[in-house]
Amino acid sequence: MKVEINGQQIHPRRGGPVEVGNVYGNAYGKPFFRLVVGVMSRVGDRPWRNVVCIRLDTTGNIVGCATEPEAYVSEHQDLIGKVHEMPNMKIEWFRDPPTLVSQE
């Protein structure tokens, strides 16, 4: 899977709700982006790191993933864009056990 990234001028902002599809930039250090793919609901303070992100390099390759606290993402990351149509994935479950191949 690869993400298409256009070289547009960005206008970063902070604060606001963290939502699936938000894209955050890295103002310092290595150039990469964080794409929010899930926000888990919290019960009390659990889970503490409730925002699930995938990390993208500047060419759109997925290079990692992380979970972060929602308040940290909202207040300390630069919101630079949003993905409006996140893909749905469908799992095909294997119905038969794997066949063992003899190496004789």
N, C-alpha and C. Protein backbone atom coordinates (compact mmCIF):
# COMPACT_ATOMS: atom_id res chain seq x y z
N MET A 1 0.86 -1.17 0.00
CA MET A 1 0.00 0.00 0.00
C MET A 1 0.90 1.23 0.00
N LYS A 2 0.51 2.22 -0.76
CA LYS A 2 1.25 3.47 -0.83
C LYS A 2 0.26 4.61 -0.80
N VAL A 3 0.68 5.74 -0.27
CA VAL A 3 -0.18 6.92 -0.14
C VAL A 3 0.29 7.96 -1.15
N GLU A 4 -0.65 8.54 -1.88
CA GLU A 4 -0.32 9.57 -2.85
C GLU A 4 -0.19 10.91 -2.15
N ILE A 5 0.97 11.57 -2.34
CA ILE A 5 1.22 12.86 -1.70
C ILE A 5 1.55 13.88 -2.79
N ASN A 6 0.79 14.95 -2.85
CA ASN A 6 1.07 16.03 -3.80
C ASN A 6 1.88 17.10 -3.11
N GLY A 7 2.72 17.78 -3.85
CA GLY A 7 3.58 18.82 -3.28
C GLY A 7 2.88 20.16 -3.15
N GLN A 8 1.86 20.23 -2.35
CA GLN A 8 1.11 21.47 -2.15
C GLN A 8 1.72 22.29 -1.03
N GLN A 9 1.45 23.58 -1.03
CA GLN A 9 1.87 24.43 0.09
C GLN A 9 0.98 24.09 1.28
N ILE A 10 1.58 23.91 2.45
CA ILE A 10 0.81 23.51 3.62
C ILE A 10 0.67 24.67 4.59
N HIS A 11 -0.40 24.64 5.35
CA HIS A 11 -0.67 25.65 6.37
C HIS A 11 -0.96 24.91 7.68
N PRO A 12 0.10 24.63 8.47
CA PRO A 12 -0.10 23.84 9.69
C PRO A 12 -0.92 24.56 10.73
N ARG A 13 -1.63 23.78 11.53
CA ARG A 13 -2.40 24.31 12.65
C ARG A 13 -2.39 23.31 13.78
N ARG A 14 -2.65 23.79 14.96
CA ARG A 14 -2.66 22.92 16.14
C ARG A 14 -3.99 23.05 16.86
N GLY A 15 -4.25 22.07 17.72
CA GLY A 15 -5.51 22.05 18.46
C GLY A 15 -6.60 21.41 17.62
N GLY A 16 -7.76 21.33 18.18
CA GLY A 16 -8.88 20.73 17.46
C GLY A 16 -8.94 19.23 17.69
N PRO A 17 -10.04 18.63 17.29
CA PRO A 17 -10.21 17.19 17.52
C PRO A 17 -9.30 16.35 16.65
N VAL A 18 -8.88 15.21 17.19
CA VAL A 18 -8.09 14.24 16.44
C VAL A 18 -9.07 13.26 15.83
N GLU A 19 -9.05 13.15 14.50
CA GLU A 19 -10.01 12.30 13.80
C GLU A 19 -9.28 11.39 12.82
N VAL A 20 -9.93 10.27 12.49
CA VAL A 20 -9.39 9.37 11.48
C VAL A 20 -9.27 10.14 10.17
N GLY A 21 -8.12 10.03 9.53
CA GLY A 21 -7.87 10.72 8.28
C GLY A 21 -7.02 11.97 8.43
N ASN A 22 -6.86 12.48 9.66
CA ASN A 22 -6.00 13.65 9.85
C ASN A 22 -4.56 13.32 9.50
N VAL A 23 -3.87 14.26 8.87
CA VAL A 23 -2.47 14.11 8.51
C VAL A 23 -1.67 15.16 9.26
N TYR A 24 -0.66 14.71 9.99
CA TYR A 24 0.18 15.60 10.78
C TYR A 24 1.59 15.57 10.22
N GLY A 25 2.25 16.73 10.24
CA GLY A 25 3.62 16.84 9.74
C GLY A 25 4.60 16.82 10.88
N ASN A 26 5.86 16.65 10.52
CA ASN A 26 6.95 16.66 11.49
C ASN A 26 7.76 17.93 11.25
N ALA A 27 7.61 18.90 12.11
CA ALA A 27 8.27 20.19 11.92
C ALA A 27 9.78 20.10 12.07
N TYR A 28 10.26 19.15 12.86
CA TYR A 28 11.69 19.05 13.13
C TYR A 28 12.16 17.63 12.86
N GLY A 29 13.41 17.47 12.55
CA GLY A 29 13.97 16.14 12.36
C GLY A 29 13.70 15.60 10.97
N LYS A 30 13.54 14.28 10.87
CA LYS A 30 13.35 13.61 9.59
C LYS A 30 12.01 13.99 8.99
N PRO A 31 11.96 14.20 7.67
CA PRO A 31 10.68 14.55 7.04
C PRO A 31 9.78 13.33 6.89
N PHE A 32 8.71 13.30 7.66
CA PHE A 32 7.71 12.25 7.52
C PHE A 32 6.37 12.80 7.97
N PHE A 33 5.32 12.05 7.69
CA PHE A 33 3.97 12.45 8.05
C PHE A 33 3.34 11.35 8.90
N ARG A 34 2.37 11.73 9.70
CA ARG A 34 1.57 10.77 10.47
C ARG A 34 0.14 10.83 9.95
N LEU A 35 -0.42 9.68 9.62
CA LEU A 35 -1.81 9.58 9.18
C LEU A 35 -2.57 8.82 10.25
N VAL A 36 -3.61 9.44 10.81
CA VAL A 36 -4.41 8.80 11.85
C VAL A 36 -5.33 7.78 11.19
N VAL A 37 -5.20 6.50 11.60
CA VAL A 37 -6.04 5.44 11.05
C VAL A 37 -7.03 4.90 12.07
N GLY A 38 -6.92 5.33 13.31
CA GLY A 38 -7.87 4.90 14.33
C GLY A 38 -7.74 5.72 15.60
N VAL A 39 -8.88 5.96 16.23
CA VAL A 39 -8.90 6.61 17.54
C VAL A 39 -9.74 5.71 18.44
N MET A 40 -9.08 5.10 19.43
CA MET A 40 -9.76 4.19 20.34
C MET A 40 -10.50 4.98 21.41
N SER A 41 -11.68 4.52 21.77
CA SER A 41 -12.40 5.19 22.85
C SER A 41 -11.71 4.86 24.17
N ARG A 42 -11.80 5.78 25.10
CA ARG A 42 -11.11 5.61 26.38
C ARG A 42 -12.10 5.29 27.48
N VAL A 43 -11.65 4.49 28.40
CA VAL A 43 -12.37 4.23 29.64
C VAL A 43 -11.46 4.72 30.76
N GLY A 44 -11.84 5.86 31.36
CA GLY A 44 -10.95 6.49 32.32
C GLY A 44 -9.75 7.03 31.56
N ASP A 45 -8.56 6.58 31.93
CA ASP A 45 -7.37 7.01 31.20
C ASP A 45 -6.77 5.85 30.39
N ARG A 46 -7.55 4.81 30.14
CA ARG A 46 -7.08 3.65 29.37
C ARG A 46 -7.83 3.54 28.06
N PRO A 47 -7.18 3.22 26.94
CA PRO A 47 -5.74 3.18 26.83
C PRO A 47 -5.17 4.59 26.77
N TRP A 48 -4.02 4.77 27.38
CA TRP A 48 -3.40 6.09 27.44
C TRP A 48 -3.00 6.56 26.05
N ARG A 49 -2.40 5.69 25.27
CA ARG A 49 -2.03 6.01 23.87
C ARG A 49 -3.16 5.50 22.98
N ASN A 50 -4.15 6.33 22.75
CA ASN A 50 -5.36 5.87 22.08
C ASN A 50 -5.47 6.29 20.61
N VAL A 51 -4.47 6.95 20.05
CA VAL A 51 -4.50 7.35 18.64
C VAL A 51 -3.52 6.46 17.87
N VAL A 52 -4.03 5.77 16.85
CA VAL A 52 -3.21 4.86 16.05
C VAL A 52 -2.83 5.58 14.76
N CYS A 53 -1.53 5.67 14.48
CA CYS A 53 -1.02 6.38 13.30
C CYS A 53 -0.10 5.49 12.49
N ILE A 54 -0.11 5.70 11.18
CA ILE A 54 0.94 5.12 10.35
C ILE A 54 1.86 6.26 9.92
N ARG A 55 3.14 5.96 9.83
CA ARG A 55 4.13 6.97 9.43
C ARG A 55 4.43 6.80 7.96
N LEU A 56 4.46 7.92 7.25
CA LEU A 56 4.72 7.94 5.81
C LEU A 56 5.95 8.79 5.53
N ASP A 57 6.78 8.35 4.58
CA ASP A 57 7.88 9.22 4.17
C ASP A 57 7.35 10.19 3.11
N THR A 58 8.21 11.04 2.61
CA THR A 58 7.76 12.10 1.69
C THR A 58 7.35 11.57 0.32
N THR A 59 7.67 10.31 0.03
CA THR A 59 7.23 9.72 -1.24
C THR A 59 5.96 8.89 -1.09
N GLY A 60 5.41 8.82 0.13
CA GLY A 60 4.16 8.10 0.35
C GLY A 60 4.32 6.66 0.79
N ASN A 61 5.55 6.21 1.00
CA ASN A 61 5.77 4.84 1.49
C ASN A 61 5.47 4.76 2.97
N ILE A 62 4.85 3.68 3.39
CA ILE A 62 4.61 3.45 4.81
C ILE A 62 5.91 2.98 5.43
N VAL A 63 6.39 3.70 6.46
CA VAL A 63 7.69 3.39 7.06
C VAL A 63 7.59 3.05 8.54
N GLY A 64 6.39 3.04 9.10
CA GLY A 64 6.27 2.70 10.51
C GLY A 64 4.86 2.97 11.01
N CYS A 65 4.68 2.72 12.28
CA CYS A 65 3.40 2.98 12.92
C CYS A 65 3.64 3.31 14.38
N ALA A 66 2.65 3.89 15.01
CA ALA A 66 2.79 4.27 16.42
C ALA A 66 1.43 4.51 17.02
N THR A 67 1.39 4.47 18.34
CA THR A 67 0.22 4.93 19.08
C THR A 67 0.66 6.11 19.93
N GLU A 68 -0.19 7.12 19.99
CA GLU A 68 0.13 8.36 20.70
C GLU A 68 -1.05 8.78 21.56
N PRO A 69 -0.81 9.53 22.64
CA PRO A 69 -1.91 10.08 23.42
C PRO A 69 -2.65 11.15 22.60
N GLU A 70 -3.95 11.16 22.69
CA GLU A 70 -4.77 12.10 21.92
C GLU A 70 -4.42 13.56 22.21
N ALA A 71 -4.21 13.91 23.47
CA ALA A 71 -3.88 15.30 23.82
C ALA A 71 -2.54 15.70 23.21
N TYR A 72 -1.57 14.79 23.18
CA TYR A 72 -0.27 15.09 22.60
C TYR A 72 -0.40 15.38 21.10
N VAL A 73 -1.15 14.54 20.39
CA VAL A 73 -1.31 14.73 18.95
C VAL A 73 -2.01 16.06 18.68
N SER A 74 -3.06 16.35 19.42
CA SER A 74 -3.83 17.57 19.20
C SER A 74 -3.03 18.84 19.48
N GLU A 75 -2.29 18.84 20.57
CA GLU A 75 -1.63 20.07 21.02
C GLU A 75 -0.18 20.24 20.57
N HIS A 76 0.49 19.15 20.16
CA HIS A 76 1.91 19.24 19.85
C HIS A 76 2.29 18.82 18.44
N GLN A 77 1.33 18.40 17.63
CA GLN A 77 1.60 18.02 16.25
C GLN A 77 0.95 19.02 15.31
N ASP A 78 1.54 19.24 14.14
CA ASP A 78 1.02 20.18 13.16
C ASP A 78 0.06 19.48 12.22
N LEU A 79 -1.22 19.81 12.31
CA LEU A 79 -2.23 19.27 11.41
C LEU A 79 -2.05 19.97 10.06
N ILE A 80 -1.76 19.18 9.02
CA ILE A 80 -1.48 19.79 7.72
C ILE A 80 -2.44 19.34 6.62
N GLY A 81 -3.28 18.35 6.89
CA GLY A 81 -4.19 17.89 5.86
C GLY A 81 -5.14 16.83 6.38
N LYS A 82 -5.99 16.31 5.48
CA LYS A 82 -6.98 15.31 5.86
C LYS A 82 -7.24 14.39 4.66
N VAL A 83 -7.35 13.11 4.93
CA VAL A 83 -7.76 12.13 3.94
C VAL A 83 -9.26 11.95 4.11
N HIS A 84 -10.02 12.23 3.06
CA HIS A 84 -11.48 12.17 3.18
C HIS A 84 -12.07 10.80 2.89
N GLU A 85 -11.38 9.98 2.11
CA GLU A 85 -11.90 8.65 1.80
C GLU A 85 -10.87 7.61 2.20
N MET A 86 -10.99 7.13 3.43
CA MET A 86 -10.08 6.08 3.90
C MET A 86 -10.54 4.75 3.30
N PRO A 87 -9.60 3.91 2.88
CA PRO A 87 -9.99 2.65 2.25
C PRO A 87 -10.54 1.66 3.28
N ASN A 88 -11.43 0.82 2.80
CA ASN A 88 -11.90 -0.31 3.59
C ASN A 88 -11.15 -1.54 3.11
N MET A 89 -10.74 -2.37 4.05
CA MET A 89 -10.03 -3.59 3.69
C MET A 89 -10.87 -4.77 4.12
N LYS A 90 -10.83 -5.81 3.33
CA LYS A 90 -11.60 -7.01 3.63
C LYS A 90 -10.63 -8.17 3.80
N ILE A 91 -10.79 -8.91 4.87
CA ILE A 91 -9.93 -10.06 5.15
C ILE A 91 -10.57 -11.31 4.55
N GLU A 92 -9.77 -12.08 3.82
CA GLU A 92 -10.21 -13.37 3.34
C GLU A 92 -9.66 -14.41 4.31
N TRP A 93 -10.54 -15.09 5.04
CA TRP A 93 -10.12 -16.08 6.03
C TRP A 93 -9.83 -17.40 5.35
N PHE A 94 -8.71 -18.02 5.69
CA PHE A 94 -8.36 -19.33 5.15
C PHE A 94 -9.26 -20.37 5.80
N ARG A 95 -9.87 -21.20 4.99
CA ARG A 95 -10.82 -22.19 5.49
C ARG A 95 -10.17 -23.56 5.72
N ASP A 96 -9.11 -23.85 4.97
CA ASP A 96 -8.45 -25.15 5.09
C ASP A 96 -7.09 -24.96 5.75
N PRO A 97 -6.68 -25.95 6.57
CA PRO A 97 -5.35 -25.84 7.16
C PRO A 97 -4.28 -25.92 6.07
N PRO A 98 -3.11 -25.34 6.32
CA PRO A 98 -2.06 -25.39 5.30
C PRO A 98 -1.59 -26.82 5.07
N THR A 99 -1.22 -27.10 3.85
CA THR A 99 -0.71 -28.42 3.49
C THR A 99 0.79 -28.43 3.72
N LEU A 100 1.26 -29.44 4.45
CA LEU A 100 2.70 -29.56 4.70
C LEU A 100 3.35 -30.19 3.48
N VAL A 101 4.43 -29.62 3.05
CA VAL A 101 5.16 -30.13 1.89
C VAL A 101 6.35 -30.91 2.39
N SER A 102 6.45 -32.15 1.97
CA SER A 102 7.57 -33.00 2.36
C SER A 102 8.82 -32.57 1.59
N GLN A 103 9.94 -32.54 2.27
CA GLN A 103 11.20 -32.14 1.63
C GLN A 103 12.10 -33.35 1.39
N GLU A 104 11.54 -34.44 0.95
CA GLU A 104 12.32 -35.66 0.69
C GLU A 104 12.93 -35.64 -0.67
